[in-house]
Amino acid sequence: MLQRWLFIPGFCYLVLVFASGTWLRWQWYAPDWTVFHSGFLTHAHSHVAVLGWAFCMLCGLLFHYAMHWERIPKTAFRITMAALHISVIGMAVTFTWQGYGDWSIGFSTLHLLVGYAIAVFYFRYEIETLPAILRNFYSVAVWWLVISTLGPWLLAFGPAMPSFWMDAGIEFYLHTQFNGWLTFGVLGLALHYIHRRGGKLNWSTHLGFAMLLIGTLPALIPMLDQTQVHPNLAIVGAAGSLLYAVGGVIVAAPLVKLLSSEKNLPLKAMMLLSGGSLLIKQIMLGIIAFPAVAEAVMGFSFVTVGYLHLLLLGFISSALLFGWLQQTRITADLPLTTSLIAYLAGVGVMLILLLWFGAVQIFGFAPVFPVQLSLFVAALIALLGSLGLLAKSLKVWLG
């Protein structure tokens, strides 16, 4: 049932994300081919990536590893899943059609309600015999899922809110989704993988968790308009960002031993991509802890886009894909290996290009490669890999 309701749709959304991203790059490279409004399609692309692909995969793995799946009422589960896919498909269509409008906001609101239902499922049916540190990561992840919805509800006040608070509501939602719900959930799954392999979760893991938890909300402060932030609050934000950045590295450190013992090269490459992306992302988060540096660096579009892709595509998506492979116990046969290689190559090259073009913008030198064409080719390769993974997922479900 998890395959049918979460993992298969999740891979469909992944294909849609790469397809829309590939087409966006082509439109930007060849404007005469423009079919969709680029701004609207970008909104659809990002919403399906976060609320479709990543949400489905993380929820599926939480149902499998962190909850008593057999006890969950299947009728309530099916209704929740139907609402989830109506909301995601609705957002994909309406954001492409109208950007932010009545219909797209309506489907987004439906997704918020689905998140509340997922939280109820988790806290009612969580596996209480798991090690405390795993339950901490999973529980905090779900709490961040719920808390993140305060951002969209804040936006509901619309024109009555000062512009700073409107922007803060958006930043709050994105921050608590990416660095709260998704990051804590994925790190919990990674530590669960260590636990299943017989690894020890010692005091350093608890320390890293505490640093992440304490630093999450303060790490939002450097991302806000610093002209509206009190200097003392800016210091709290810088400290929180550094705390969060170091905490993530501490938590991920035990994975290095597992990485060295992995013999399957595509899986090892996936672990490297996810872990390397996490490390770079944490370093970037530590750098932008200082407002002057954040203002100087994050004003460049490719730096911001590179950071978001590093977080969602490099770290989170690769880790969720690895978790799916472990959950289904698939052996890396030839078709799967081919698809994984295409996925890893496309995503890896895309991330390198985005970070490179970010450096080009910062230092002002000419790019060696054509920007949008290079990103189009990388996205196309990743799209082909995601199609292969969808086919494999269908084969697992049907077989």
Protein backbone atom coordinates (compact mmCIF):
# COMPACT_ATOMS: atom_id res chain seq x y z
CA MET A 1 0.00 0.00 0.00
CA LEU A 2 2.87 2.39 0.71
CA GLN A 3 4.22 1.69 -2.77
CA ARG A 4 0.86 2.46 -4.38
CA TRP A 5 -0.05 5.54 -2.32
CA LEU A 6 3.33 7.18 -1.62
CA PHE A 7 6.40 5.79 -3.37
CA ILE A 8 4.99 5.37 -6.90
CA PRO A 9 3.33 8.82 -6.84
CA GLY A 10 6.53 10.21 -5.31
CA PHE A 11 8.58 9.03 -8.29
CA CYS A 12 5.93 10.41 -10.65
CA TYR A 13 6.34 13.78 -8.96
CA LEU A 14 10.13 13.47 -9.23
CA VAL A 15 9.81 12.93 -12.98
CA LEU A 16 7.48 15.94 -13.18
CA VAL A 17 9.99 18.04 -11.22
CA PHE A 18 12.85 17.17 -13.57
CA ALA A 19 10.63 17.59 -16.64
CA SER A 20 9.50 21.07 -15.57
CA GLY A 21 13.03 22.03 -14.54
CA THR A 22 14.43 20.83 -17.86
CA TRP A 23 11.81 22.77 -19.81
CA LEU A 24 12.46 25.90 -17.77
CA ARG A 25 16.14 25.75 -18.61
CA TRP A 26 15.31 25.27 -22.30
CA GLN A 27 12.90 28.25 -22.29
CA TRP A 28 15.56 30.42 -20.69
CA TYR A 29 18.14 29.23 -23.23
CA ALA A 30 15.82 29.54 -26.25
CA PRO A 31 13.12 32.17 -25.46
CA ASP A 32 11.39 31.53 -28.81
CA TRP A 33 10.34 28.14 -27.39
CA THR A 34 8.58 29.70 -24.40
CA VAL A 35 5.28 27.94 -23.73
CA PHE A 36 4.66 28.50 -20.02
CA HIS A 37 5.03 31.64 -17.93
CA SER A 38 8.47 31.06 -16.40
CA GLY A 39 7.61 32.56 -13.01
CA PHE A 40 4.42 30.50 -12.70
CA LEU A 41 6.12 27.29 -13.82
CA THR A 42 8.92 27.90 -11.32
CA HIS A 43 6.34 28.04 -8.52
CA ALA A 44 4.76 24.79 -9.72
CA HIS A 45 8.20 23.17 -10.05
CA SER A 46 9.25 24.06 -6.50
CA HIS A 47 5.93 23.16 -4.88
CA VAL A 48 5.84 19.73 -6.50
CA ALA A 49 9.47 19.14 -5.50
CA VAL A 50 8.94 19.93 -1.81
CA LEU A 51 5.28 19.03 -1.24
CA GLY A 52 5.05 16.22 -3.76
CA TRP A 53 8.27 14.25 -4.21
CA ALA A 54 10.06 14.94 -0.91
CA PHE A 55 6.87 14.88 1.18
CA CYS A 56 5.68 11.56 -0.26
CA MET A 57 9.03 9.82 0.11
CA LEU A 58 9.71 11.03 3.65
CA CYS A 59 6.17 10.18 4.79
CA GLY A 60 6.41 6.73 3.21
CA LEU A 61 9.66 5.99 5.02
CA LEU A 62 8.29 7.32 8.31
CA PHE A 63 5.23 5.08 7.98
CA HIS A 64 7.54 2.13 7.31
CA TYR A 65 10.26 2.69 9.93
CA ALA A 66 8.79 4.90 12.66
CA MET A 67 5.13 3.87 12.97
CA HIS A 68 3.08 0.75 13.63
CA TRP A 69 1.89 0.63 10.05
CA GLU A 70 -0.37 -2.37 10.66
CA ARG A 71 -2.40 -0.45 13.27
CA ILE A 72 -3.19 2.62 11.16
CA PRO A 73 -6.84 2.66 9.98
CA LYS A 74 -6.58 2.05 6.26
CA THR A 75 -9.74 4.00 5.37
CA ALA A 76 -8.44 7.12 7.10
CA PHE A 77 -5.07 6.55 5.43
CA ARG A 78 -6.63 6.30 1.96
CA ILE A 79 -8.70 9.45 2.46
CA THR A 80 -5.59 11.33 3.61
CA MET A 81 -3.58 10.08 0.63
CA ALA A 82 -6.35 11.00 -1.81
CA ALA A 83 -6.38 14.53 -0.36
CA LEU A 84 -2.57 14.65 -0.62
CA HIS A 85 -2.51 13.80 -4.32
CA ILE A 86 -5.45 16.07 -5.14
CA SER A 87 -3.53 18.91 -3.49
CA VAL A 88 -0.22 18.19 -5.26
CA ILE A 89 -1.75 17.69 -8.71
CA GLY A 90 -3.92 20.73 -8.12
CA MET A 91 -0.89 22.84 -7.21
CA ALA A 92 1.04 21.58 -10.24
CA VAL A 93 -1.77 22.67 -12.57
CA THR A 94 -2.91 25.89 -10.90
CA PHE A 95 0.53 27.32 -10.13
CA THR A 96 1.49 26.72 -13.78
CA TRP A 97 -1.76 28.40 -14.87
CA GLN A 98 -2.05 31.37 -12.50
CA GLY A 99 0.92 31.49 -10.12
CA TYR A 100 -0.30 32.52 -6.67
CA GLY A 101 -4.08 32.77 -6.95
CA ASP A 102 -7.27 31.57 -5.35
CA TRP A 103 -7.07 28.03 -6.73
CA SER A 104 -3.38 27.46 -6.06
CA ILE A 105 -3.70 28.83 -2.53
CA GLY A 106 -6.73 26.57 -1.99
CA PHE A 107 -4.81 23.46 -2.99
CA SER A 108 -1.85 24.60 -0.85
CA THR A 109 -4.19 24.93 2.12
CA LEU A 110 -5.48 21.40 1.54
CA HIS A 111 -1.87 20.19 1.71
CA LEU A 112 -1.45 21.91 5.09
CA LEU A 113 -4.42 19.91 6.39
CA VAL A 114 -2.87 16.70 5.07
CA GLY A 115 0.26 17.53 7.06
CA TYR A 116 -1.83 17.75 10.23
CA ALA A 117 -3.32 14.33 9.49
CA ILE A 118 0.17 12.86 9.02
CA ALA A 119 1.18 14.31 12.39
CA VAL A 120 -1.85 12.70 14.06
CA PHE A 121 -0.96 9.34 12.50
CA TYR A 122 2.62 9.62 13.72
CA PHE A 123 1.96 10.61 17.32
CA ARG A 124 -0.81 8.05 17.68
CA TYR A 125 1.03 5.11 16.13
CA GLU A 126 4.74 5.85 16.64
CA ILE A 127 6.99 2.93 17.56
CA GLU A 128 7.85 3.68 21.18
CA THR A 129 10.50 0.95 21.44
CA LEU A 130 12.90 2.71 19.08
CA PRO A 131 16.06 4.21 20.63
CA ALA A 132 15.31 7.58 22.21
CA ILE A 133 17.53 9.54 19.82
CA LEU A 134 15.69 8.16 16.78
CA ARG A 135 12.31 9.02 18.30
CA ASN A 136 13.65 12.49 19.07
CA PHE A 137 14.61 13.12 15.45
CA TYR A 138 11.35 11.74 14.07
CA SER A 139 9.15 13.55 16.60
CA VAL A 140 10.90 16.88 16.12
CA ALA A 141 10.66 16.49 12.34
CA VAL A 142 6.90 16.02 12.56
CA TRP A 143 6.59 18.95 14.98
CA TRP A 144 8.47 21.15 12.50
CA LEU A 145 6.04 20.00 9.80
CA VAL A 146 3.18 21.30 11.93
CA ILE A 147 4.96 24.46 13.14
CA SER A 148 5.99 25.40 9.58
CA THR A 149 2.32 25.94 8.71
CA LEU A 150 2.30 29.07 10.90
CA GLY A 151 4.03 30.83 8.01
CA PRO A 152 1.25 30.35 5.44
CA TRP A 153 -1.43 31.14 8.04
CA LEU A 154 0.42 34.37 8.81
CA LEU A 155 0.27 35.27 5.11
CA ALA A 156 -3.52 34.91 5.24
CA PHE A 157 -3.65 38.33 6.89
CA GLY A 158 -2.36 39.70 3.57
CA PRO A 159 -2.40 43.48 3.18
CA ALA A 160 -2.93 44.00 6.90
CA MET A 161 0.63 42.79 7.54
CA PRO A 162 3.73 45.00 7.12
CA SER A 163 5.99 43.84 4.27
CA PHE A 164 8.68 42.69 6.72
CA TRP A 165 6.27 40.28 8.39
CA MET A 166 4.99 39.01 5.05
CA ASP A 167 8.55 38.21 3.99
CA ALA A 168 9.27 36.75 7.43
CA GLY A 169 6.25 34.43 7.09
CA ILE A 170 7.57 33.08 3.79
CA GLU A 171 11.09 32.67 5.14
CA PHE A 172 9.75 30.98 8.29
CA TYR A 173 7.83 28.43 6.24
CA LEU A 174 10.73 27.64 3.90
CA HIS A 175 13.26 27.49 6.73
CA THR A 176 11.22 25.20 8.98
CA GLN A 177 10.33 22.98 6.02
CA PHE A 178 13.88 22.60 4.70
CA ASN A 179 15.97 22.85 7.86
CA GLY A 180 13.29 21.50 10.19
CA TRP A 181 10.86 18.90 8.86
CA LEU A 182 12.94 17.54 5.96
CA THR A 183 16.40 17.75 7.54
CA PHE A 184 15.43 16.25 10.90
CA GLY A 185 13.42 13.54 9.16
CA VAL A 186 16.24 12.57 6.79
CA LEU A 187 18.88 12.62 9.54
CA GLY A 188 16.60 10.41 11.66
CA LEU A 189 16.38 7.91 8.80
CA ALA A 190 20.16 8.03 8.33
CA LEU A 191 20.74 7.31 12.02
CA HIS A 192 18.12 4.55 11.85
CA TYR A 193 20.16 3.00 9.02
CA ILE A 194 23.25 3.09 11.25
CA HIS A 195 21.25 1.48 14.06
CA ARG A 196 19.99 -1.32 11.80
CA ARG A 197 23.54 -1.99 10.66
CA GLY A 198 24.67 -2.42 14.26
CA GLY A 199 26.25 1.01 14.63
CA LYS A 200 26.33 2.83 17.95
CA LEU A 201 24.51 6.12 18.54
CA ASN A 202 26.60 7.67 21.31
CA TRP A 203 26.69 10.92 23.25
CA SER A 204 27.94 12.90 20.24
CA THR A 205 24.72 12.13 18.37
CA HIS A 206 22.69 13.48 21.29
CA LEU A 207 24.93 16.57 21.38
CA GLY A 208 24.49 17.15 17.65
CA PHE A 209 20.73 16.77 17.99
CA ALA A 210 20.60 19.33 20.80
CA MET A 211 22.69 21.80 18.76
CA LEU A 212 20.43 21.36 15.75
CA LEU A 213 17.28 21.78 17.81
CA ILE A 214 18.47 24.87 19.67
CA GLY A 215 19.86 26.46 16.53
CA THR A 216 16.97 25.89 14.13
CA LEU A 217 14.80 28.94 14.81
CA PRO A 218 17.66 31.40 15.49
CA ALA A 219 19.23 30.30 12.18
CA LEU A 220 16.26 31.93 10.46
CA ILE A 221 17.24 35.42 11.66
CA PRO A 222 20.19 36.01 9.25
CA MET A 223 17.83 35.31 6.34
CA LEU A 224 15.56 38.23 7.27
CA ASP A 225 15.92 41.89 6.30
CA GLN A 226 18.73 42.95 8.63
CA THR A 227 17.67 46.60 8.56
CA GLN A 228 14.58 45.49 10.51
CA VAL A 229 16.44 43.25 12.96
CA HIS A 230 17.79 44.50 16.31
CA PRO A 231 21.61 44.12 16.58
CA ASN A 232 21.29 41.88 19.64
CA LEU A 233 18.85 39.64 17.77
CA ALA A 234 21.30 39.49 14.87
CA ILE A 235 23.92 38.13 17.28
CA VAL A 236 21.47 35.45 18.43
CA GLY A 237 20.87 34.57 14.78
CA ALA A 238 24.57 34.25 14.02
CA ALA A 239 25.09 32.01 17.06
CA GLY A 240 22.09 29.87 16.12
CA SER A 241 23.31 29.43 12.55
CA LEU A 242 26.76 28.36 13.71
CA LEU A 243 25.23 26.00 16.29
CA TYR A 244 22.97 24.45 13.67
CA ALA A 245 25.79 24.14 11.13
CA VAL A 246 28.16 22.35 13.53
CA GLY A 247 25.37 20.17 14.95
CA GLY A 248 24.52 18.79 11.54
CA VAL A 249 28.13 17.82 10.89
CA ILE A 250 28.37 16.08 14.27
CA VAL A 251 25.21 14.05 13.64
CA ALA A 252 26.34 12.99 10.16
CA ALA A 253 29.88 12.04 11.23
CA PRO A 254 29.07 8.35 12.07
CA LEU A 255 27.97 7.80 8.48
CA VAL A 256 31.57 8.05 7.33
CA LYS A 257 32.30 4.56 8.68
CA LEU A 258 29.35 3.10 6.80
CA LEU A 259 30.40 4.90 3.65
CA SER A 260 33.82 3.29 3.76
CA SER A 261 32.27 -0.17 4.14
CA GLU A 262 29.76 0.17 1.26
CA LYS A 263 30.86 -1.99 -1.68
CA ASN A 264 28.13 -1.13 -4.20
CA LEU A 265 29.55 1.79 -6.20
CA PRO A 266 26.26 3.48 -7.24
CA LEU A 267 24.97 3.30 -3.67
CA LYS A 268 28.29 4.56 -2.39
CA ALA A 269 28.13 7.43 -4.87
CA MET A 270 24.62 8.26 -3.64
CA MET A 271 25.84 8.35 -0.04
CA LEU A 272 28.72 10.59 -1.10
CA LEU A 273 26.37 12.92 -2.98
CA SER A 274 23.97 13.20 -0.05
CA GLY A 275 26.66 13.51 2.62
CA GLY A 276 28.80 15.90 0.57
CA SER A 277 25.79 18.09 -0.15
CA LEU A 278 24.93 18.16 3.55
CA LEU A 279 28.49 19.17 4.45
CA ILE A 280 28.63 21.99 1.89
CA LYS A 281 25.13 23.13 2.87
CA GLN A 282 26.12 23.28 6.55
CA ILE A 283 29.27 25.24 5.68
CA MET A 284 27.21 27.70 3.62
CA LEU A 285 24.74 28.06 6.48
CA GLY A 286 27.63 28.83 8.82
CA ILE A 287 29.03 31.42 6.41
CA ILE A 288 25.75 33.31 6.05
CA ALA A 289 25.44 33.43 9.85
CA PHE A 290 27.24 36.75 9.59
CA PRO A 291 24.84 39.40 8.18
CA ALA A 292 27.51 41.28 6.22
CA VAL A 293 28.63 38.10 4.49
CA ALA A 294 25.04 36.96 3.92
CA GLU A 295 24.18 40.28 2.30
CA ALA A 296 27.26 40.13 0.08
CA VAL A 297 26.80 36.51 -1.01
CA MET A 298 23.08 35.65 -1.00
CA GLY A 299 22.20 38.57 -3.27
CA PHE A 300 23.49 36.55 -6.20
CA SER A 301 20.76 34.44 -7.78
CA PHE A 302 22.89 31.38 -8.60
CA VAL A 303 24.22 31.24 -5.02
CA THR A 304 20.67 31.12 -3.65
CA VAL A 305 19.47 28.66 -6.30
CA GLY A 306 22.59 26.54 -5.80
CA TYR A 307 22.03 26.43 -2.03
CA LEU A 308 18.39 25.36 -2.42
CA HIS A 309 19.25 22.66 -4.97
CA LEU A 310 22.13 21.46 -2.80
CA LEU A 311 19.75 21.12 0.14
CA LEU A 312 16.73 19.61 -1.60
CA LEU A 313 18.22 17.74 -4.54
CA GLY A 314 21.70 16.81 -3.37
CA PHE A 315 21.16 16.08 0.32
CA ILE A 316 17.47 15.35 0.90
CA SER A 317 16.43 13.72 -2.39
CA SER A 318 19.47 11.46 -2.63
CA ALA A 319 19.03 10.36 0.99
CA LEU A 320 15.32 9.63 0.45
CA LEU A 321 16.10 7.67 -2.69
CA PHE A 322 18.71 5.68 -0.78
CA GLY A 323 16.13 5.05 1.95
CA TRP A 324 13.64 3.75 -0.63
CA LEU A 325 16.24 1.35 -2.02
CA GLN A 326 16.87 0.02 1.46
CA GLN A 327 13.16 -0.20 2.29
CA THR A 328 12.36 -2.22 -0.81
CA ARG A 329 15.55 -4.29 -0.45
CA ILE A 330 16.26 -3.95 -4.15
CA THR A 331 19.51 -5.42 -5.41
CA ALA A 332 21.33 -3.04 -7.74
CA ASP A 333 20.72 -4.95 -10.96
CA LEU A 334 21.72 -3.55 -14.36
CA PRO A 335 18.59 -1.44 -15.10
CA LEU A 336 18.61 0.08 -11.62
CA THR A 337 22.33 0.76 -11.79
CA THR A 338 21.91 2.49 -15.16
CA SER A 339 19.11 4.69 -13.83
CA LEU A 340 21.07 5.52 -10.68
CA ILE A 341 24.15 6.46 -12.68
CA ALA A 342 22.08 8.79 -14.87
CA TYR A 343 20.40 10.32 -11.80
CA LEU A 344 23.69 10.79 -9.95
CA ALA A 345 25.49 12.16 -13.00
CA GLY A 346 22.73 14.61 -13.86
CA VAL A 347 22.23 15.84 -10.30
CA GLY A 348 25.95 15.95 -9.53
CA VAL A 349 26.79 17.97 -12.64
CA MET A 350 23.82 20.27 -12.06
CA LEU A 351 24.96 21.07 -8.51
CA ILE A 352 28.54 21.67 -9.61
CA LEU A 353 27.35 23.99 -12.38
CA LEU A 354 25.04 25.96 -10.07
CA LEU A 355 27.80 26.46 -7.50
CA TRP A 356 30.26 27.34 -10.28
CA PHE A 357 27.92 29.92 -11.79
CA GLY A 358 27.39 31.29 -8.28
CA ALA A 359 31.14 31.79 -7.99
CA VAL A 360 31.13 33.39 -11.45
CA GLN A 361 28.56 35.93 -10.25
CA ILE A 362 30.41 36.66 -7.02
CA PHE A 363 33.86 37.15 -8.56
CA GLY A 364 32.66 38.62 -11.84
CA PHE A 365 34.58 36.49 -14.32
CA ALA A 366 33.20 35.04 -17.53
CA PRO A 367 31.60 31.57 -17.38
CA VAL A 368 33.42 28.84 -19.30
CA PHE A 369 30.18 27.03 -20.23
CA PRO A 370 26.90 28.43 -21.58
CA VAL A 371 24.80 28.75 -18.44
CA GLN A 372 21.28 27.65 -19.31
CA LEU A 373 22.31 25.14 -22.00
CA SER A 374 24.69 23.39 -19.58
CA LEU A 375 22.01 23.20 -16.91
CA PHE A 376 19.48 21.96 -19.50
CA VAL A 377 21.74 19.04 -20.47
CA ALA A 378 22.37 18.10 -16.82
CA ALA A 379 18.64 18.29 -16.03
CA LEU A 380 17.83 16.15 -19.08
CA ILE A 381 20.22 13.42 -17.91
CA ALA A 382 18.69 13.50 -14.43
CA LEU A 383 15.21 13.32 -16.01
CA LEU A 384 16.16 10.16 -17.89
CA GLY A 385 17.50 8.65 -14.66
CA SER A 386 14.28 9.51 -12.79
CA LEU A 387 12.22 7.86 -15.54
CA GLY A 388 14.26 4.69 -15.10
CA LEU A 389 13.76 4.78 -11.34
CA LEU A 390 10.00 5.24 -11.81
CA ALA A 391 9.95 2.22 -14.12
CA LYS A 392 11.83 0.19 -11.51
CA SER A 393 9.47 1.34 -8.78
CA LEU A 394 6.49 0.24 -10.88
CA LYS A 395 8.16 -3.12 -11.44
CA VAL A 396 8.63 -3.58 -7.69
CA TRP A 397 4.99 -2.74 -7.03
CA LEU A 398 3.59 -4.90 -9.82
CA GLY A 399 6.03 -7.74 -9.21
